[in-house]
Amino acid sequence: MRRLRRRGFTLIELLVVIAIIAVLIGLLLPAVQKVREAAARMSCQNNLKQITLAAMNFESANNALPPGGLVSPNSPKSPWEPAGDGGPWTGNLAFLLPYIEQNNVYAQLDPQLFVFGTTVPAWIYTGTPVSSDGNSTGNYNKVCNAVIKAYLCPSDDAQSAAVTDGIWSAYFWWSPALGWSGDYIYNTPGFGAELGMANYVPNGGDTLDAPASLNGASVAGAFNASCVGPFTKNSKTKLTAITDGTSNTLAYGETLAGYAPGAVDSAGKAHARDLKLSWMGSMSAWANGGVPSDRNSSAWAYSSKHAGVVQFSMCDGSVRGLQKGIEYISGQTPSGGPAWRNFQAMSGMRDGQVIDSSLF
């Protein structure tokens, strides 16, 4: 009788099988990552759409869109800003809370923070100073620590990522004394990073309310005062005032709001500052910064972690992705180059220039 032998895998066969599995995993992981990013991008699109629809509902209820940010000449002087710009620095997204099913958060905020000409101080400098760095930051209402999912892009880690410097409490506004400005609080242990973050800012347009230089390059005369956006400091814009058409005018865009720690931008300039944006301080962003390919080139530029694009909503609620790389380039004509100038025109609501977004 023959004895049957059970034959097993040889070492070489086992290694071949392992190698094949490794190759399959290597092929599968990028596909999984692409699917994950596609889902995150769709979720981000939905956030922008919901924010814009909330702004429209606000306009229906109040006969005007919410302001790009609230700054009262009657607010007390802050520790860091001059009289007339001391507060309350209420961000645009805070006005939208009741319209995105966050009325419980809105109801816990001081109603005076939403009153034009209010006499209350900056929301971040109220109460007994509690920050350990001596910058006079007060015991602000801790409801501002609420995490609002609709205000966060899933591709970014704004809420959980560490921050080395601070959090924007007013990003950005036009100050007669300081020019184009903003304010941020230091991140100290147990204070600052707990704030609810955001990745979306309203479009303030391209106006003369901007510095004479951008990223170290002179841009004097490059700005067009007619390219005012629908959301500016203390604005009360009606949808009917958007004469370029709601489908042709930017409403909200994405931002990462700062530099990566130790990042070096495309010009070789190193940046140590790392900032994040609070939804309570999400004020108007300006189109002057463009949509650079290098997210670290400017704290005030539109930016995202999506591959190749930054997403924007239009004033009709539609959402479009614009390619990165829309930057001011010194010496190009028209001012900054055609793409940069066209982007400025898209930010304007009554400049008479209708730009096809497919150009981007």
Foldseek 3Di string as FASTA:
>chain_A
DDDDDDDDDDPVRVVVVVVVVVVVVVVVVVVVVVVVLVVLVVLLLVLQLQQLVLQVVVCVVPVFGQALWEAALQEDQDLPHGRRRFDQLFHNLLVSCVSNVNVVLNVQDDPLNRDHNGHHGHQQQDAADDAPPPSNGHDHDCSQLDADPSFARPQDPQLPDDFQFWEWQAQWAADPVPQIGTDTDGDDVPDGSSGHFGFKGFAQFFAPSHDQDDLRHGQVPLTDHQQGARHHYVHGHHPVLLVLDQQQAFTMWTAQQAADAQDAWPVRDTDHHGYTYRNRNRGHAYLQAPQAPTNHSDNRYGYDPRPQWIKTATSVSGIDTAGHHLGQDPPDPPGRHDSSSLSSNNNGRGPPDGDDRVVD
